[in-house]
Amino acid sequence: MIPPFQPNGYLPPGIHEATWQQAAERLGINSHRRALLLGLLQALHSLRQSGCRKIYLDGSFATDKERPGDFDVAWETANVDPRLLNTTLLDFSNRRQAQKQAFGGELFPADWEADEHGRTFLEFFQTDQQAIPKGIIAIDLGTLP
């Protein structure tokens, strides 16, 4: 379940488990956000087909911001066959421009190093740029439509 946003616009710290439907209903509050959800769903179908079982949704999309610029995802690499993955999901060039164009957001392997401190993307996503803890949403890809 996805808890209410805090006064700062973030979810409470932690990883909040949700189905696709729960996340879509909670975050798809306007046409802009619903358009981002369509691109996200397309990317998640590719991840699921390659063996991925869970993703972690972050960025301004996982806040109360009305018009987030995009979404950020960390995806679990266990069981993923990269040969079955849409190659765009492995293209990190040009600040992930191909991912943004294809899906409307950025997607990173959850266990890859995200910063100079050695934090993984899963860890990195749980704080903001000022190191304030924030929550993220875990989605079981078995719940996709």
C-alpha atoms as a PDB file:
ATOM      1  CA  MET A   1       0.000   0.000   0.000  1.00  0.00           C
ATOM      2  CA  ILE A   2       1.164   3.504  -0.767  1.00  0.00           C
ATOM      3  CA  PRO A   3       0.908   5.796   2.279  1.00  0.00           C
ATOM      4  CA  PRO A   4      -0.114   9.471   2.137  1.00  0.00           C
ATOM      5  CA  PHE A   5       2.478  12.023   1.094  1.00  0.00           C
ATOM      6  CA  GLN A   6       4.203  13.946   3.872  1.00  0.00           C
ATOM      7  CA  PRO A   7       4.012  17.769   4.080  1.00  0.00           C
ATOM      8  CA  ASN A   8       7.322  17.961   2.146  1.00  0.00           C
ATOM      9  CA  GLY A   9       5.679  16.143  -0.795  1.00  0.00           C
ATOM     10  CA  TYR A  10       7.612  12.899  -0.318  1.00  0.00           C
ATOM     11  CA  LEU A  11       6.358   9.501   0.692  1.00  0.00           C
ATOM     12  CA  PRO A  12       7.404   8.489   4.213  1.00  0.00           C
ATOM     13  CA  PRO A  13      10.890   6.913   4.210  1.00  0.00           C
ATOM     14  CA  GLY A  14      11.027   3.275   3.212  1.00  0.00           C
ATOM     15  CA  ILE A  15      10.041   0.982   0.384  1.00  0.00           C
ATOM     16  CA  HIS A  16       6.284   0.869  -0.116  1.00  0.00           C
ATOM     17  CA  GLU A  17       5.003  -2.251  -1.893  1.00  0.00           C
ATOM     18  CA  ALA A  18       2.225  -1.771  -4.441  1.00  0.00           C
ATOM     19  CA  THR A  19       0.563  -3.467  -7.355  1.00  0.00           C
ATOM     20  CA  TRP A  20       0.600  -1.792 -10.747  1.00  0.00           C
ATOM     21  CA  GLN A  21      -3.064  -0.873 -10.328  1.00  0.00           C
ATOM     22  CA  GLN A  22      -2.475   0.711  -6.911  1.00  0.00           C
ATOM     23  CA  ALA A  23       0.448   2.760  -8.235  1.00  0.00           C
ATOM     24  CA  ALA A  24      -1.416   3.820 -11.386  1.00  0.00           C
ATOM     25  CA  GLU A  25      -4.506   4.877  -9.440  1.00  0.00           C
ATOM     26  CA  ARG A  26      -2.482   6.779  -6.859  1.00  0.00           C
ATOM     27  CA  LEU A  27      -0.047   8.501  -9.211  1.00  0.00           C
ATOM     28  CA  GLY A  28      -2.135   8.900 -12.383  1.00  0.00           C
ATOM     29  CA  ILE A  29      -4.021  11.923 -11.068  1.00  0.00           C
ATOM     30  CA  ASN A  30      -3.968  13.977 -14.281  1.00  0.00           C
ATOM     31  CA  SER A  31      -3.449  13.554 -18.033  1.00  0.00           C
ATOM     32  CA  HIS A  32       0.250  14.448 -17.838  1.00  0.00           C
ATOM     33  CA  ARG A  33       0.916  11.782 -15.207  1.00  0.00           C
ATOM     34  CA  ARG A  34      -1.216   9.221 -17.071  1.00  0.00           C
ATOM     35  CA  ALA A  35       0.881   9.798 -20.207  1.00  0.00           C
ATOM     36  CA  LEU A  36       4.032   9.098 -18.185  1.00  0.00           C
ATOM     37  CA  LEU A  37       2.392   5.939 -16.827  1.00  0.00           C
ATOM     38  CA  LEU A  38       1.851   4.674 -20.390  1.00  0.00           C
ATOM     39  CA  GLY A  39       5.556   4.984 -21.164  1.00  0.00           C
ATOM     40  CA  LEU A  40       6.456   3.426 -17.836  1.00  0.00           C
ATOM     41  CA  LEU A  41       4.153   0.488 -18.517  1.00  0.00           C
ATOM     42  CA  GLN A  42       5.799  -0.099 -21.896  1.00  0.00           C
ATOM     43  CA  ALA A  43       9.244  -0.217 -20.257  1.00  0.00           C
ATOM     44  CA  LEU A  44       8.016  -2.480 -17.470  1.00  0.00           C
ATOM     45  CA  HIS A  45       6.564  -4.974 -19.949  1.00  0.00           C
ATOM     46  CA  SER A  46      10.005  -5.259 -21.549  1.00  0.00           C
ATOM     47  CA  LEU A  47      11.623  -5.727 -18.148  1.00  0.00           C
ATOM     48  CA  ARG A  48       9.102  -8.401 -17.179  1.00  0.00           C
ATOM     49  CA  GLN A  49       9.583 -10.265 -20.471  1.00  0.00           C
ATOM     50  CA  SER A  50      13.322 -10.404 -19.774  1.00  0.00           C
ATOM     51  CA  GLY A  51      12.783 -11.946 -16.327  1.00  0.00           C
ATOM     52  CA  CYS A  52      12.685  -8.903 -14.031  1.00  0.00           C
ATOM     53  CA  ARG A  53      10.286  -9.338 -11.143  1.00  0.00           C
ATOM     54  CA  LYS A  54      10.336  -6.010  -9.285  1.00  0.00           C
ATOM     55  CA  ILE A  55      11.061  -2.329  -9.870  1.00  0.00           C
ATOM     56  CA  TYR A  56      11.394   0.682  -7.580  1.00  0.00           C
ATOM     57  CA  LEU A  57       9.722   3.909  -8.679  1.00  0.00           C
ATOM     58  CA  ASP A  58      11.264   7.227  -7.661  1.00  0.00           C
ATOM     59  CA  GLY A  59      11.846  10.757  -8.809  1.00  0.00           C
ATOM     60  CA  SER A  60       9.357  13.583  -8.805  1.00  0.00           C
ATOM     61  CA  PHE A  61       6.833  11.106 -10.194  1.00  0.00           C
ATOM     62  CA  ALA A  62       6.769   9.404  -6.765  1.00  0.00           C
ATOM     63  CA  THR A  63       5.993  12.720  -5.029  1.00  0.00           C
ATOM     64  CA  ASP A  64       2.961  14.985  -4.912  1.00  0.00           C
ATOM     65  CA  LYS A  65       4.353  17.135  -7.749  1.00  0.00           C
ATOM     66  CA  GLU A  66       1.504  17.785 -10.174  1.00  0.00           C
ATOM     67  CA  ARG A  67       3.602  17.818 -13.381  1.00  0.00           C
ATOM     68  CA  PRO A  68       6.747  15.728 -12.893  1.00  0.00           C
ATOM     69  CA  GLY A  69       9.244  15.937 -15.722  1.00  0.00           C
ATOM     70  CA  ASP A  70       9.725  12.185 -15.898  1.00  0.00           C
ATOM     71  CA  PHE A  71      10.028   9.090 -13.734  1.00  0.00           C
ATOM     72  CA  ASP A  72      13.049   7.274 -12.350  1.00  0.00           C
ATOM     73  CA  VAL A  73      13.129   3.512 -11.918  1.00  0.00           C
ATOM     74  CA  ALA A  74      15.597   1.079 -10.397  1.00  0.00           C
ATOM     75  CA  TRP A  75      15.010  -2.482 -11.606  1.00  0.00           C
ATOM     76  CA  GLU A  76      16.086  -5.720  -9.982  1.00  0.00           C
ATOM     77  CA  THR A  77      18.627  -7.564 -12.101  1.00  0.00           C
ATOM     78  CA  ALA A  78      18.132 -11.043 -10.617  1.00  0.00           C
ATOM     79  CA  ASN A  79      16.691 -13.434 -13.223  1.00  0.00           C
ATOM     80  CA  VAL A  80      17.031 -10.875 -16.049  1.00  0.00           C
ATOM     81  CA  ASP A  81      18.280 -12.191 -19.379  1.00  0.00           C
ATOM     82  CA  PRO A  82      19.845  -9.111 -21.033  1.00  0.00           C
ATOM     83  CA  ARG A  83      19.433 -10.755 -24.449  1.00  0.00           C
ATOM     84  CA  LEU A  84      15.658 -10.449 -24.023  1.00  0.00           C
ATOM     85  CA  LEU A  85      15.759  -6.854 -22.820  1.00  0.00           C
ATOM     86  CA  ASN A  86      14.812  -3.921 -25.027  1.00  0.00           C
ATOM     87  CA  THR A  87      18.259  -2.508 -25.875  1.00  0.00           C
ATOM     88  CA  THR A  88      17.075   1.008 -25.049  1.00  0.00           C
ATOM     89  CA  LEU A  89      16.958  -0.044 -21.386  1.00  0.00           C
ATOM     90  CA  LEU A  90      20.715  -0.651 -21.551  1.00  0.00           C
ATOM     91  CA  ASP A  91      21.513   2.634 -23.322  1.00  0.00           C
ATOM     92  CA  PHE A  92      22.853   5.082 -20.743  1.00  0.00           C
ATOM     93  CA  SER A  93      24.535   7.400 -23.264  1.00  0.00           C
ATOM     94  CA  ASN A  94      23.679  11.087 -23.664  1.00  0.00           C
ATOM     95  CA  ARG A  95      22.209  11.245 -20.151  1.00  0.00           C
ATOM     96  CA  ARG A  96      19.802   8.406 -21.048  1.00  0.00           C
ATOM     97  CA  GLN A  97      18.202  10.397 -23.836  1.00  0.00           C
ATOM     98  CA  ALA A  98      17.047   7.282 -25.730  1.00  0.00           C
ATOM     99  CA  GLN A  99      15.227   6.014 -22.617  1.00  0.00           C
ATOM    100  CA  LYS A 100      13.566   9.375 -22.086  1.00  0.00           C
ATOM    101  CA  GLN A 101      12.425   9.507 -25.711  1.00  0.00           C
ATOM    102  CA  ALA A 102      11.173   5.916 -25.791  1.00  0.00           C
ATOM    103  CA  PHE A 103       9.553   5.717 -22.365  1.00  0.00           C
ATOM    104  CA  GLY A 104       9.396   9.184 -20.800  1.00  0.00           C
ATOM    105  CA  GLY A 105      11.781   8.376 -17.971  1.00  0.00           C
ATOM    106  CA  GLU A 106      15.037   6.801 -16.863  1.00  0.00           C
ATOM    107  CA  LEU A 107      15.589   3.219 -15.748  1.00  0.00           C
ATOM    108  CA  PHE A 108      18.667   1.895 -13.947  1.00  0.00           C
ATOM    109  CA  PRO A 109      19.718  -1.532 -12.669  1.00  0.00           C
ATOM    110  CA  ALA A 110      18.991  -1.372  -8.922  1.00  0.00           C
ATOM    111  CA  ASP A 111      22.293  -2.922  -7.870  1.00  0.00           C
ATOM    112  CA  TRP A 112      24.540  -0.708  -9.991  1.00  0.00           C
ATOM    113  CA  GLU A 113      26.629   1.966  -8.318  1.00  0.00           C
ATOM    114  CA  ALA A 114      24.864   5.326  -8.496  1.00  0.00           C
ATOM    115  CA  ASP A 115      27.302   7.776  -6.937  1.00  0.00           C
ATOM    116  CA  GLU A 116      30.848   8.391  -5.754  1.00  0.00           C
ATOM    117  CA  HIS A 117      29.929   7.080  -2.294  1.00  0.00           C
ATOM    118  CA  GLY A 118      29.273   3.598  -3.665  1.00  0.00           C
ATOM    119  CA  ARG A 119      25.531   3.640  -3.076  1.00  0.00           C
ATOM    120  CA  THR A 120      23.425   1.505  -5.383  1.00  0.00           C
ATOM    121  CA  PHE A 121      20.544   3.060  -7.285  1.00  0.00           C
ATOM    122  CA  LEU A 122      18.157   1.382  -4.847  1.00  0.00           C
ATOM    123  CA  GLU A 123      19.915   3.139  -1.948  1.00  0.00           C
ATOM    124  CA  PHE A 124      20.446   6.401  -3.849  1.00  0.00           C
ATOM    125  CA  PHE A 125      16.742   6.694  -4.675  1.00  0.00           C
ATOM    126  CA  GLN A 126      15.815   6.737  -0.978  1.00  0.00           C
ATOM    127  CA  THR A 127      17.249  10.204  -0.268  1.00  0.00           C
ATOM    128  CA  ASP A 128      16.949  13.522  -2.055  1.00  0.00           C
ATOM    129  CA  GLN A 129      19.818  15.803  -3.114  1.00  0.00           C
ATOM    130  CA  GLN A 130      20.005  17.229   0.417  1.00  0.00           C
ATOM    131  CA  ALA A 131      20.192  13.692   1.926  1.00  0.00           C
ATOM    132  CA  ILE A 132      16.615  13.928   3.255  1.00  0.00           C
ATOM    133  CA  PRO A 133      15.149  10.393   3.492  1.00  0.00           C
ATOM    134  CA  LYS A 134      12.160   9.702   1.267  1.00  0.00           C
ATOM    135  CA  GLY A 135      10.026   6.770   0.302  1.00  0.00           C
ATOM    136  CA  ILE A 136       9.928   4.905  -2.980  1.00  0.00           C
ATOM    137  CA  ILE A 137       7.367   2.531  -4.476  1.00  0.00           C
ATOM    138  CA  ALA A 138       8.152  -1.127  -5.208  1.00  0.00           C
ATOM    139  CA  ILE A 139       6.001  -2.667  -7.929  1.00  0.00           C
ATOM    140  CA  ASP A 140       5.739  -6.422  -8.468  1.00  0.00           C
ATOM    141  CA  LEU A 141       5.863  -6.869 -12.242  1.00  0.00           C
ATOM    142  CA  GLY A 142       3.617  -9.904 -11.917  1.00  0.00           C
ATOM    143  CA  THR A 143       0.775  -7.438 -11.320  1.00  0.00           C
ATOM    144  CA  LEU A 144       1.111  -5.649 -14.678  1.00  0.00           C
ATOM    145  CA  PRO A 145      -1.942  -5.649 -16.953  1.00  0.00           C
END
